[in-house]
Amino acid sequence: VYVIGPLRTASSQIEEETGIRPSILSPALWARVDVEHEMRD
């Protein structure tokens, strides 16, 4: 809930680069999000 915005942004970026939209379980998706920083913000 707290990082959904950055997750969607990262998902769009990966789709632009690879042509495939990653799932929420994709390690590559979470690697692009600083969870602690985003939750705090």
Full PDB file with SEQRES, HELIX, SHEET, SSBOND, CRYST1, ORIGX, SCALE, CONECT and MASTER records, all heavy atoms in Angstrom:
SEQRES   1 A   41  VAL TYR VAL ILE GLY PRO LEU ARG THR ALA SER SER GLN          
SEQRES   2 A   41  ILE GLU GLU GLU THR GLY ILE ARG PRO SER ILE LEU SER          
SEQRES   3 A   41  PRO ALA LEU TRP ALA ARG VAL ASP VAL GLU HIS GLU MET          
SEQRES   4 A   41  ARG ASP                                                      
HELIX    1 AA1 ILE A    4  THR A   18  1                                  15    
HELIX    2 AA2 PRO A   27  ALA A   31  1                                   5    
HELIX    3 AA3 VAL A   35  ARG A   40  1                                   6    
CRYST1    1.000    1.000    1.000  90.00  90.00  90.00 P 1           1          
ORIGX1      1.000000  0.000000  0.000000        0.00000                         
ORIGX2      0.000000  1.000000  0.000000        0.00000                         
ORIGX3      0.000000  0.000000  1.000000        0.00000                         
SCALE1      1.000000  0.000000  0.000000        0.00000                         
SCALE2      0.000000  1.000000  0.000000        0.00000                         
SCALE3      0.000000  0.000000  1.000000        0.00000                         
ATOM      1  N   VAL A   1       0.829  -1.208   0.000  1.00  0.00           N  
ATOM      2  CA  VAL A   1       0.000   0.000   0.000  1.00  0.00           C  
ATOM      3  C   VAL A   1       0.861   1.255   0.000  1.00  0.00           C  
ATOM      4  O   VAL A   1       0.614   2.202  -0.757  1.00  0.00           O  
ATOM      5  CB  VAL A   1      -0.946   0.005   1.217  1.00  0.00           C  
ATOM      6  CG1 VAL A   1      -1.577   1.386   1.405  1.00  0.00           C  
ATOM      7  CG2 VAL A   1      -2.040  -1.035   1.029  1.00  0.00           C  
ATOM      8  N   TYR A   2       1.889   1.270   0.824  1.00  0.00           N  
ATOM      9  CA  TYR A   2       2.707   2.471   0.967  1.00  0.00           C  
ATOM     10  C   TYR A   2       3.673   2.687  -0.199  1.00  0.00           C  
ATOM     11  O   TYR A   2       4.126   3.816  -0.429  1.00  0.00           O  
ATOM     12  CB  TYR A   2       3.478   2.436   2.286  1.00  0.00           C  
ATOM     13  CG  TYR A   2       2.639   2.828   3.481  1.00  0.00           C  
ATOM     14  CD1 TYR A   2       2.368   1.924   4.504  1.00  0.00           C  
ATOM     15  CD2 TYR A   2       2.108   4.106   3.582  1.00  0.00           C  
ATOM     16  CE1 TYR A   2       1.598   2.289   5.609  1.00  0.00           C  
ATOM     17  CE2 TYR A   2       1.334   4.482   4.670  1.00  0.00           C  
ATOM     18  CZ  TYR A   2       1.086   3.567   5.677  1.00  0.00           C  
ATOM     19  OH  TYR A   2       0.319   3.931   6.762  1.00  0.00           O  
ATOM     20  N   VAL A   3       4.001   1.622  -0.935  1.00  0.00           N  
ATOM     21  CA  VAL A   3       4.978   1.790  -2.028  1.00  0.00           C  
ATOM     22  C   VAL A   3       4.353   1.504  -3.385  1.00  0.00           C  
ATOM     23  O   VAL A   3       5.068   1.296  -4.359  1.00  0.00           O  
ATOM     24  CB  VAL A   3       6.215   0.880  -1.806  1.00  0.00           C  
ATOM     25  CG1 VAL A   3       6.881   1.191  -0.479  1.00  0.00           C  
ATOM     26  CG2 VAL A   3       5.849  -0.599  -1.895  1.00  0.00           C  
ATOM     27  N   ILE A   4       3.032   1.511  -3.471  1.00  0.00           N  
ATOM     28  CA  ILE A   4       2.368   1.144  -4.724  1.00  0.00           C  
ATOM     29  C   ILE A   4       2.726   2.092  -5.859  1.00  0.00           C  
ATOM     30  O   ILE A   4       2.876   1.677  -7.011  1.00  0.00           O  
ATOM     31  CB  ILE A   4       0.831   1.081  -4.525  1.00  0.00           C  
ATOM     32  CG1 ILE A   4       0.162   0.362  -5.698  1.00  0.00           C  
ATOM     33  CG2 ILE A   4       0.251   2.468  -4.318  1.00  0.00           C  
ATOM     34  CD1 ILE A   4       0.472  -1.093  -5.772  1.00  0.00           C  
ATOM     35  N   GLY A   5       2.873   3.376  -5.562  1.00  0.00           N  
ATOM     36  CA  GLY A   5       3.232   4.339  -6.597  1.00  0.00           C  
ATOM     37  C   GLY A   5       4.582   4.033  -7.229  1.00  0.00           C  
ATOM     38  O   GLY A   5       4.690   3.886  -8.452  1.00  0.00           O  
ATOM     39  N   PRO A   6       5.652   3.937  -6.426  1.00  0.00           N  
ATOM     40  CA  PRO A   6       6.960   3.570  -6.975  1.00  0.00           C  
ATOM     41  C   PRO A   6       6.954   2.199  -7.656  1.00  0.00           C  
ATOM     42  O   PRO A   6       7.669   2.004  -8.644  1.00  0.00           O  
ATOM     43  CB  PRO A   6       7.869   3.568  -5.743  1.00  0.00           C  
ATOM     44  CG  PRO A   6       7.208   4.521  -4.790  1.00  0.00           C  
ATOM     45  CD  PRO A   6       5.742   4.334  -5.004  1.00  0.00           C  
ATOM     46  N   LEU A   7       6.175   1.253  -7.146  1.00  0.00           N  
ATOM     47  CA  LEU A   7       6.098  -0.059  -7.794  1.00  0.00           C  
ATOM     48  C   LEU A   7       5.527   0.064  -9.200  1.00  0.00           C  
ATOM     49  O   LEU A   7       6.023  -0.563 -10.150  1.00  0.00           O  
ATOM     50  CB  LEU A   7       5.237  -1.010  -6.960  1.00  0.00           C  
ATOM     51  CG  LEU A   7       5.879  -1.662  -5.735  1.00  0.00           C  
ATOM     52  CD1 LEU A   7       4.852  -2.488  -4.974  1.00  0.00           C  
ATOM     53  CD2 LEU A   7       7.053  -2.549  -6.153  1.00  0.00           C  
ATOM     54  N   ARG A   8       4.480   0.859  -9.350  1.00  0.00           N  
ATOM     55  CA  ARG A   8       3.880   1.043 -10.670  1.00  0.00           C  
ATOM     56  C   ARG A   8       4.858   1.738 -11.617  1.00  0.00           C  
ATOM     57  O   ARG A   8       4.934   1.391 -12.801  1.00  0.00           O  
ATOM     58  CB  ARG A   8       2.590   1.844 -10.543  1.00  0.00           C  
ATOM     59  CG  ARG A   8       1.452   1.075  -9.884  1.00  0.00           C  
ATOM     60  CD  ARG A   8       0.279   1.990  -9.582  1.00  0.00           C  
ATOM     61  NE  ARG A   8      -0.835   1.245  -8.988  1.00  0.00           N  
ATOM     62  CZ  ARG A   8      -1.864   1.819  -8.376  1.00  0.00           C  
ATOM     63  NH1 ARG A   8      -1.932   3.153  -8.286  1.00  0.00           N  
ATOM     64  NH2 ARG A   8      -2.833   1.089  -7.860  1.00  0.00           N  
ATOM     65  N   THR A   9       5.584   2.726 -11.099  1.00  0.00           N  
ATOM     66  CA  THR A   9       6.575   3.414 -11.928  1.00  0.00           C  
ATOM     67  C   THR A   9       7.658   2.450 -12.392  1.00  0.00           C  
ATOM     68  O   THR A   9       8.026   2.426 -13.575  1.00  0.00           O  
ATOM     69  CB  THR A   9       7.218   4.574 -11.141  1.00  0.00           C  
ATOM     70  OG1 THR A   9       6.209   5.508 -10.760  1.00  0.00           O  
ATOM     71  CG2 THR A   9       8.255   5.287 -11.986  1.00  0.00           C  
ATOM     72  N   ALA A  10       8.158   1.642 -11.471  1.00  0.00           N  
ATOM     73  CA  ALA A  10       9.189   0.671 -11.811  1.00  0.00           C  
ATOM     74  C   ALA A  10       8.660  -0.368 -12.793  1.00  0.00           C  
ATOM     75  O   ALA A  10       9.373  -0.792 -13.719  1.00  0.00           O  
ATOM     76  CB  ALA A  10       9.696  -0.012 -10.541  1.00  0.00           C  
ATOM     77  N   SER A  11       7.407  -0.771 -12.611  1.00  0.00           N  
ATOM     78  CA  SER A  11       6.797  -1.744 -13.511  1.00  0.00           C  
ATOM     79  C   SER A  11       6.724  -1.201 -14.930  1.00  0.00           C  
ATOM     80  O   SER A  11       7.021  -1.910 -15.901  1.00  0.00           O  
ATOM     81  CB  SER A  11       5.401  -2.100 -13.009  1.00  0.00           C  
ATOM     82  OG  SER A  11       4.755  -3.003 -13.883  1.00  0.00           O  
ATOM     83  N   SER A  12       6.351   0.071 -15.069  1.00  0.00           N  
ATOM     84  CA  SER A  12       6.273   0.695 -16.399  1.00  0.00           C  
ATOM     85  C   SER A  12       7.648   0.789 -17.041  1.00  0.00           C  
ATOM     86  O   SER A  12       7.803   0.577 -18.255  1.00  0.00           O  
ATOM     87  CB  SER A  12       5.649   2.086 -16.284  1.00  0.00           C  
ATOM     88  OG  SER A  12       4.321   2.011 -15.805  1.00  0.00           O  
ATOM     89  N   GLN A  13       8.654   1.100 -16.238  1.00  0.00           N  
ATOM     90  CA  GLN A  13      10.017   1.204 -16.763  1.00  0.00           C  
ATOM     91  C   GLN A  13      10.515  -0.142 -17.279  1.00  0.00           C  
ATOM     92  O   GLN A  13      11.115  -0.224 -18.360  1.00  0.00           O  
ATOM     93  CB  GLN A  13      10.949   1.722 -15.668  1.00  0.00           C  
ATOM     94  CG  GLN A  13      10.701   3.170 -15.274  1.00  0.00           C  
ATOM     95  CD  GLN A  13      11.514   3.584 -14.060  1.00  0.00           C  
ATOM     96  OE1 GLN A  13      12.096   2.745 -13.361  1.00  0.00           O  
ATOM     97  NE2 GLN A  13      11.555   4.887 -13.788  1.00  0.00           N  
ATOM     98  N   ILE A  14      10.232  -1.187 -16.518  1.00  0.00           N  
ATOM     99  CA  ILE A  14      10.658  -2.527 -16.943  1.00  0.00           C  
ATOM    100  C   ILE A  14       9.929  -2.940 -18.220  1.00  0.00           C  
ATOM    101  O   ILE A  14      10.524  -3.542 -19.122  1.00  0.00           O  
ATOM    102  CB  ILE A  14      10.406  -3.550 -15.813  1.00  0.00           C  
ATOM    103  CG1 ILE A  14      11.340  -3.265 -14.633  1.00  0.00           C  
ATOM    104  CG2 ILE A  14      10.612  -4.977 -16.312  1.00  0.00           C  
ATOM    105  CD1 ILE A  14      11.093  -4.139 -13.415  1.00  0.00           C  
ATOM    106  N   GLU A  15       8.652  -2.588 -18.304  1.00  0.00           N  
ATOM    107  CA  GLU A  15       7.890  -2.927 -19.507  1.00  0.00           C  
ATOM    108  C   GLU A  15       8.443  -2.206 -20.733  1.00  0.00           C  
ATOM    109  O   GLU A  15       8.529  -2.775 -21.828  1.00  0.00           O  
ATOM    110  CB  GLU A  15       6.420  -2.572 -19.318  1.00  0.00           C  
ATOM    111  CG  GLU A  15       5.539  -3.000 -20.494  1.00  0.00           C  
ATOM    112  CD  GLU A  15       4.081  -2.650 -20.287  1.00  0.00           C  
ATOM    113  OE1 GLU A  15       3.790  -1.724 -19.505  1.00  0.00           O  
ATOM    114  OE2 GLU A  15       3.231  -3.312 -20.914  1.00  0.00           O  
ATOM    115  N   GLU A  16       8.845  -0.946 -20.554  1.00  0.00           N  
ATOM    116  CA  GLU A  16       9.432  -0.193 -21.666  1.00  0.00           C  
ATOM    117  C   GLU A  16      10.759  -0.801 -22.118  1.00  0.00           C  
ATOM    118  O   GLU A  16      11.081  -0.810 -23.312  1.00  0.00           O  
ATOM    119  CB  GLU A  16       9.652   1.259 -21.248  1.00  0.00           C  
ATOM    120  CG  GLU A  16       8.374   2.061 -21.076  1.00  0.00           C  
ATOM    121  CD  GLU A  16       8.641   3.479 -20.604  1.00  0.00           C  
ATOM    122  OE1 GLU A  16       9.843   3.835 -20.487  1.00  0.00           O  
ATOM    123  OE2 GLU A  16       7.677   4.227 -20.365  1.00  0.00           O  
ATOM    124  N   GLU A  17      11.512  -1.323 -21.159  1.00  0.00           N  
ATOM    125  CA  GLU A  17      12.826  -1.868 -21.478  1.00  0.00           C  
ATOM    126  C   GLU A  17      12.765  -3.281 -22.054  1.00  0.00           C  
ATOM    127  O   GLU A  17      13.566  -3.646 -22.919  1.00  0.00           O  
ATOM    128  CB  GLU A  17      13.696  -1.880 -20.216  1.00  0.00           C  
ATOM    129  CG  GLU A  17      13.983  -0.489 -19.659  1.00  0.00           C  
ATOM    130  CD  GLU A  17      14.585  -0.543 -18.272  1.00  0.00           C  
ATOM    131  OE1 GLU A  17      14.843  -1.670 -17.783  1.00  0.00           O  
ATOM    132  OE2 GLU A  17      14.805   0.525 -17.667  1.00  0.00           O  
ATOM    133  N   THR A  18      11.825  -4.078 -21.554  1.00  0.00           N  
ATOM    134  CA  THR A  18      11.791  -5.498 -21.939  1.00  0.00           C  
ATOM    135  C   THR A  18      10.577  -5.886 -22.765  1.00  0.00           C  
ATOM    136  O   THR A  18      10.560  -6.958 -23.369  1.00  0.00           O  
ATOM    137  CB  THR A  18      11.824  -6.384 -20.677  1.00  0.00           C  
ATOM    138  OG1 THR A  18      10.618  -6.169 -19.918  1.00  0.00           O  
ATOM    139  CG2 THR A  18      13.028  -6.035 -19.797  1.00  0.00           C  
ATOM    140  N   GLY A  19       9.549  -5.055 -22.744  1.00  0.00           N  
ATOM    141  CA  GLY A  19       8.317  -5.408 -23.439  1.00  0.00           C  
ATOM    142  C   GLY A  19       7.406  -6.302 -22.619  1.00  0.00           C  
ATOM    143  O   GLY A  19       6.340  -6.696 -23.077  1.00  0.00           O  
ATOM    144  N   ILE A  20       7.825  -6.636 -21.405  1.00  0.00           N  
ATOM    145  CA  ILE A  20       7.045  -7.516 -20.528  1.00  0.00           C  
ATOM    146  C   ILE A  20       6.792  -6.800 -19.208  1.00  0.00           C  
ATOM    147  O   ILE A  20       7.731  -6.273 -18.594  1.00  0.00           O  
ATOM    148  CB  ILE A  20       7.782  -8.839 -20.263  1.00  0.00           C  
ATOM    149  CG1 ILE A  20       8.039  -9.577 -21.584  1.00  0.00           C  
ATOM    150  CG2 ILE A  20       6.972  -9.719 -19.304  1.00  0.00           C  
ATOM    151  CD1 ILE A  20       8.869 -10.823 -21.416  1.00  0.00           C  
ATOM    152  N   ARG A  21       5.538  -6.789 -18.778  1.00  0.00           N  
ATOM    153  CA  ARG A  21       5.204  -6.157 -17.506  1.00  0.00           C  
ATOM    154  C   ARG A  21       5.417  -7.170 -16.384  1.00  0.00           C  
ATOM    155  O   ARG A  21       4.818  -8.243 -16.397  1.00  0.00           O  
ATOM    156  CB  ARG A  21       3.754  -5.673 -17.510  1.00  0.00           C  
ATOM    157  CG  ARG A  21       3.467  -4.607 -16.472  1.00  0.00           C  
ATOM    158  CD  ARG A  21       2.128  -3.952 -16.708  1.00  0.00           C  
ATOM    159  NE  ARG A  21       1.885  -2.848 -15.801  1.00  0.00           N  
ATOM    160  CZ  ARG A  21       2.253  -1.597 -16.014  1.00  0.00           C  
ATOM    161  NH1 ARG A  21       2.880  -1.307 -17.138  1.00  0.00           N  
ATOM    162  NH2 ARG A  21       1.999  -0.643 -15.143  1.00  0.00           N  
ATOM    163  N   PRO A  22       6.257  -6.854 -15.404  1.00  0.00           N  
ATOM    164  CA  PRO A  22       6.573  -7.830 -14.346  1.00  0.00           C  
ATOM    165  C   PRO A  22       5.422  -7.997 -13.363  1.00  0.00           C  
ATOM    166  O   PRO A  22       4.574  -7.125 -13.222  1.00  0.00           O  
ATOM    167  CB  PRO A  22       7.782  -7.205 -13.660  1.00  0.00           C  
ATOM    168  CG  PRO A  22       7.582  -5.728 -13.838  1.00  0.00           C  
ATOM    169  CD  PRO A  22       6.955  -5.572 -15.200  1.00  0.00           C  
ATOM    170  N   SER A  23       5.442  -9.124 -12.677  1.00  0.00           N  
ATOM    171  CA  SER A  23       4.443  -9.362 -11.642  1.00  0.00           C  
ATOM    172  C   SER A  23       4.927  -8.775 -10.330  1.00  0.00           C  
ATOM    173  O   SER A  23       6.102  -8.410 -10.185  1.00  0.00           O  
ATOM    174  CB  SER A  23       4.176 -10.853 -11.476  1.00  0.00           C  
ATOM    175  OG  SER A  23       5.184 -11.457 -10.680  1.00  0.00           O  
ATOM    176  N   ILE A  24       4.039  -8.718  -9.369  1.00  0.00           N  
ATOM    177  CA  ILE A  24       4.370  -8.145  -8.069  1.00  0.00           C  
ATOM    178  C   ILE A  24       5.395  -9.000  -7.322  1.00  0.00           C  
ATOM    179  O   ILE A  24       6.036  -8.540  -6.383  1.00  0.00           O  
ATOM    180  CB  ILE A  24       3.088  -7.980  -7.223  1.00  0.00           C  
ATOM    181  CG1 ILE A  24       3.343  -7.041  -6.046  1.00  0.00           C  
ATOM    182  CG2 ILE A  24       2.576  -9.331  -6.754  1.00  0.00           C  
ATOM    183  CD1 ILE A  24       2.096  -6.685  -5.289  1.00  0.00           C  
ATOM    184  N   LEU A  25       5.572 -10.250  -7.751  1.00  0.00           N  
ATOM    185  CA  LEU A  25       6.537 -11.142  -7.108  1.00  0.00           C  
ATOM    186  C   LEU A  25       7.909 -11.090  -7.773  1.00  0.00           C  
ATOM    187  O   LEU A  25       8.828 -11.786  -7.346  1.00  0.00           O  
ATOM    188  CB  LEU A  25       6.015 -12.586  -7.141  1.00  0.00           C  
ATOM    189  CG  LEU A  25       4.685 -12.842  -6.431  1.00  0.00           C  
ATOM    190  CD1 LEU A  25       4.286 -14.309  -6.567  1.00  0.00           C  
ATOM    191  CD2 LEU A  25       4.758 -12.433  -4.972  1.00  0.00           C  
ATOM    192  N   SER A  26       8.055 -10.266  -8.806  1.00  0.00           N  
ATOM    193  CA  SER A  26       9.316 -10.203  -9.535  1.00  0.00           C  
ATOM    194  C   SER A  26      10.416  -9.534  -8.703  1.00  0.00           C  
ATOM    195  O   SER A  26      10.266  -8.386  -8.273  1.00  0.00           O  
ATOM    196  CB  SER A  26       9.124  -9.428 -10.837  1.00  0.00           C  
ATOM    197  OG  SER A  26      10.364  -9.153 -11.441  1.00  0.00           O  
ATOM    198  N   PRO A  27      11.545 -10.214  -8.485  1.00  0.00           N  
ATOM    199  CA  PRO A  27      12.671  -9.587  -7.756  1.00  0.00           C  
ATOM    200  C   PRO A  27      13.186  -8.337  -8.470  1.00  0.00           C  
ATOM    201  O   PRO A  27      13.616  -7.384  -7.820  1.00  0.00           O  
ATOM    202  CB  PRO A  27      13.728 -10.695  -7.733  1.00  0.00           C  
ATOM    203  CG  PRO A  27      12.959 -11.963  -7.896  1.00  0.00           C  
ATOM    204  CD  PRO A  27      11.830 -11.628  -8.802  1.00  0.00           C  
ATOM    205  N   ALA A  28      13.137  -8.353  -9.812  1.00  0.00           N  
ATOM    206  CA  ALA A  28      13.619  -7.192 -10.569  1.00  0.00           C  
ATOM    207  C   ALA A  28      12.776  -5.953 -10.285  1.00  0.00           C  
ATOM    208  O   ALA A  28      13.294  -4.830 -10.288  1.00  0.00           O  
ATOM    209  CB  ALA A  28      13.596  -7.518 -12.068  1.00  0.00           C  
ATOM    210  N   LEU A  29      11.504  -6.161 -10.047  1.00  0.00           N  
ATOM    211  CA  LEU A  29      10.620  -5.041  -9.733  1.00  0.00           C  
ATOM    212  C   LEU A  29      10.973  -4.430  -8.387  1.00  0.00           C  
ATOM    213  O   LEU A  29      11.142  -3.211  -8.261  1.00  0.00           O  
ATOM    214  CB  LEU A  29       9.160  -5.519  -9.739  1.00  0.00           C  
ATOM    215  CG  LEU A  29       8.099  -4.489  -9.354  1.00  0.00           C  
ATOM    216  CD1 LEU A  29       8.068  -3.345 -10.353  1.00  0.00           C  
ATOM    217  CD2 LEU A  29       6.722  -5.155  -9.253  1.00  0.00           C  
ATOM    218  N   TRP A  30      11.121  -5.269  -7.383  1.00  0.00           N  
ATOM    219  CA  TRP A  30      11.401  -4.780  -6.031  1.00  0.00           C  
ATOM    220  C   TRP A  30      12.816  -4.217  -5.909  1.00  0.00           C  
ATOM    221  O   TRP A  30      13.083  -3.361  -5.066  1.00  0.00           O  
ATOM    222  CB  TRP A  30      11.186  -5.900  -5.020  1.00  0.00           C  
ATOM    223  CG  TRP A  30       9.740  -6.204  -4.814  1.00  0.00           C  
ATOM    224  CD1 TRP A  30       8.999  -7.155  -5.453  1.00  0.00           C  
ATOM    225  CD2 TRP A  30       8.841  -5.526  -3.934  1.00  0.00           C  
ATOM    226  NE1 TRP A  30       7.692  -7.128  -5.024  1.00  0.00           N  
ATOM    227  CE2 TRP A  30       7.564  -6.133  -4.083  1.00  0.00           C  
ATOM    228  CE3 TRP A  30       8.973  -4.485  -3.027  1.00  0.00           C  
ATOM    229  CZ2 TRP A  30       6.448  -5.722  -3.362  1.00  0.00           C  
ATOM    230  CZ3 TRP A  30       7.861  -4.066  -2.297  1.00  0.00           C  
ATOM    231  CH2 TRP A  30       6.616  -4.685  -2.479  1.00  0.00           C  
ATOM    232  N   ALA A  31      13.719  -4.684  -6.790  1.00  0.00           N  
ATOM    233  CA  ALA A  31      15.092  -4.180  -6.743  1.00  0.00           C  
ATOM    234  C   ALA A  31      15.165  -2.701  -7.107  1.00  0.00           C  
ATOM    235  O   ALA A  31      16.131  -2.023  -6.756  1.00  0.00           O  
ATOM    236  CB  ALA A  31      15.975  -4.990  -7.694  1.00  0.00           C  
ATOM    237  N   ARG A  32      14.153  -2.205  -7.799  1.00  0.00           N  
ATOM    238  CA  ARG A  32      14.154  -0.801  -8.228  1.00  0.00           C  
ATOM    239  C   ARG A  32      13.457   0.124  -7.224  1.00  0.00           C  
ATOM    240  O   ARG A  32      13.350   1.321  -7.479  1.00  0.00           O  
ATOM    241  CB  ARG A  32      13.460  -0.673  -9.584  1.00  0.00           C  
ATOM    242  CG  ARG A  32      14.145  -1.438 -10.695  1.00  0.00           C  
ATOM    243  CD  ARG A  32      13.637  -1.022 -12.035  1.00  0.00           C  
ATOM    244  NE  ARG A  32      14.289  -1.767 -13.113  1.00  0.00           N  
ATOM    245  CZ  ARG A  32      14.390  -1.327 -14.365  1.00  0.00           C  
ATOM    246  NH1 ARG A  32      13.911  -0.135 -14.685  1.00  0.00           N  
ATOM    247  NH2 ARG A  32      14.971  -2.068 -15.293  1.00  0.00           N  
ATOM    248  N   VAL A  33      12.980  -0.439  -6.146  1.00  0.00           N  
ATOM    249  CA  VAL A  33      12.246   0.362  -5.160  1.00  0.00           C  
ATOM    250  C   VAL A  33      12.963   0.327  -3.820  1.00  0.00           C  
ATOM    251  O   VAL A  33      13.253  -0.748  -3.289  1.00  0.00           O  
ATOM    252  CB  VAL A  33      10.797  -0.168  -4.994  1.00  0.00           C  
ATOM    253  CG1 VAL A  33      10.061   0.644  -3.938  1.00  0.00           C  
ATOM    254  CG2 VAL A  33      10.051  -0.128  -6.323  1.00  0.00           C  
ATOM    255  N   ASP A  34      13.257   1.495  -3.283  1.00  0.00           N  
ATOM    256  CA  ASP A  34      13.828   1.605  -1.937  1.00  0.00           C  
ATOM    257  C   ASP A  34      12.657   1.595  -0.956  1.00  0.00           C  
ATOM    258  O   ASP A  34      12.071   2.638  -0.647  1.00  0.00           O  
ATOM    259  CB  ASP A  34      14.635   2.895  -1.812  1.00  0.00           C  
ATOM    260  CG  ASP A  34      15.383   2.992  -0.478  1.00  0.00           C  
ATOM    261  OD1 ASP A  34      14.968   2.314   0.487  1.00  0.00           O  
ATOM    262  OD2 ASP A  34      16.369   3.749  -0.407  1.00  0.00           O  
ATOM    263  N   VAL A  35      12.300   0.412  -0.497  1.00  0.00           N  
ATOM    264  CA  VAL A  35      11.082   0.232   0.294  1.00  0.00           C  
ATOM    265  C   VAL A  35      11.097   1.079   1.557  1.00  0.00           C  
ATOM    266  O   VAL A  35      10.126   1.775   1.873  1.00  0.00           O  
ATOM    267  CB  VAL A  35      10.888  -1.257   0.647  1.00  0.00           C  
ATOM    268  CG1 VAL A  35       9.685  -1.424   1.585  1.00  0.00           C  
ATOM    269  CG2 VAL A  35      10.692  -2.081  -0.621  1.00  0.00           C  
ATOM    270  N   GLU A  36      12.202   1.035   2.300  1.00  0.00           N  
ATOM    271  CA  GLU A  36      12.274   1.792   3.558  1.00  0.00           C  
ATOM    272  C   GLU A  36      12.093   3.289   3.318  1.00  0.00           C  
ATOM    273  O   GLU A  36      11.336   3.966   4.020  1.00  0.00           O  
ATOM    274  CB  GLU A  36      13.596   1.519   4.255  1.00  0.00           C  
ATOM    275  CG  GLU A  36      13.733   2.229   5.594  1.00  0.00           C  
ATOM    276  CD  GLU A  36      15.069   1.958   6.271  1.00  0.00           C  
ATOM    277  OE1 GLU A  36      15.844   1.122   5.745  1.00  0.00           O  
ATOM    278  OE2 GLU A  36      15.343   2.588   7.314  1.00  0.00           O  
ATOM    279  N   HIS A  37      12.795   3.804   2.312  1.00  0.00           N  
ATOM    280  CA  HIS A  37      12.718   5.233   2.006  1.00  0.00           C  
ATOM    281  C   HIS A  37      11.304   5.617   1.554  1.00  0.00           C  
ATOM    282  O   HIS A  37      10.754   6.630   2.012  1.00  0.00           O  
ATOM    283  CB  HIS A  37      13.731   5.563   0.913  1.00  0.00           C  
ATOM    284  CG  HIS A  37      13.592   6.958   0.371  1.00  0.00           C  
ATOM    285  ND1 HIS A  37      14.037   8.063   1.067  1.00  0.00           N  
ATOM    286  CD2 HIS A  37      13.034   7.439  -0.785  1.00  0.00           C  
ATOM    287  CE1 HIS A  37      13.786   9.155   0.362  1.00  0.00           C  
ATOM    288  NE2 HIS A  37      13.179   8.807  -0.759  1.00  0.00           N  
ATOM    289  N   GLU A  38      10.719   4.810   0.679  1.00  0.00           N  
ATOM    290  CA  GLU A  38       9.388   5.128   0.151  1.00  0.00           C  
ATOM    291  C   GLU A  38       8.318   5.055   1.228  1.00  0.00           C  
ATOM    292  O   GLU A  38       7.403   5.886   1.274  1.00  0.00           O  
ATOM    293  CB  GLU A  38       9.032   4.185  -0.999  1.00  0.00           C  
ATOM    294  CG  GLU A  38       9.919   4.321  -2.225  1.00  0.00           C  
ATOM    295  CD  GLU A  38       9.790   5.678  -2.892  1.00  0.00           C  
ATOM    296  OE1 GLU A  38       8.804   6.389  -2.615  1.00  0.00           O  
ATOM    297  OE2 GLU A  38      10.677   6.035  -3.690  1.00  0.00           O  
ATOM    298  N   MET A  39       8.423   4.073   2.111  1.00  0.00           N  
ATOM    299  CA  MET A  39       7.441   3.971   3.195  1.00  0.00           C  
ATOM    300  C   MET A  39       7.541   5.171   4.129  1.00  0.00           C  
ATOM    301  O   MET A  39       6.534   5.736   4.540  1.00  0.00           O  
ATOM    302  CB  MET A  39       7.649   2.665   3.970  1.00  0.00           C  
ATOM    303  CG  MET A  39       7.205   1.423   3.230  1.00  0.00           C  
ATOM    304  SD  MET A  39       7.199  -0.043   4.278  1.00  0.00           S  
ATOM    305  CE  MET A  39       5.872   0.333   5.418  1.00  0.00           C  
ATOM    306  N   ARG A  40       8.768   5.553   4.455  1.00  0.00           N  
ATOM    307  CA  ARG A  40       8.968   6.702   5.340  1.00  0.00           C  
ATOM    308  C   ARG A  40       8.417   7.980   4.709  1.00  0.00           C  
ATOM    309  O   ARG A  40       7.738   8.778   5.354  1.00  0.00           O  
ATOM    310  CB  ARG A  40      10.449   6.852   5.659  1.00  0.00           C  
ATOM    311  CG  ARG A  40      10.755   7.959   6.677  1.00  0.00           C  
ATOM    312  CD  ARG A  40      12.190   7.909   7.134  1.00  0.00           C  
ATOM    313  NE  ARG A  40      13.119   8.036   6.016  1.00  0.00           N  
ATOM    314  CZ  ARG A  40      13.887   7.042   5.577  1.00  0.00           C  
ATOM    315  NH1 ARG A  40      13.828   5.860   6.160  1.00  0.00           N  
ATOM    316  NH2 ARG A  40      14.710   7.219   4.556  1.00  0.00           N  
ATOM    317  N   ASP A  41       8.683   8.149   3.417  1.00  0.00           N  
ATOM    318  CA  ASP A  41       8.212   9.350   2.730  1.00  0.00           C  
ATOM    319  C   ASP A  41       6.698   9.369   2.605  1.00  0.00           C  
ATOM    320  O   ASP A  41       6.060  10.411   2.787  1.00  0.00           O  
ATOM    321  CB  ASP A  41       8.844   9.438   1.340  1.00  0.00           C  
ATOM    322  CG  ASP A  41      10.241  10.043   1.387  1.00  0.00           C  
ATOM    323  OD1 ASP A  41      10.731  10.299   2.508  1.00  0.00           O  
ATOM    324  OD2 ASP A  41      10.833  10.246   0.317  1.00  0.00           O  
TER     325      ASP A  41                                                      
MASTER        0    0    0    3    0    0    0    6  324    1    0    4          
END                                                                             
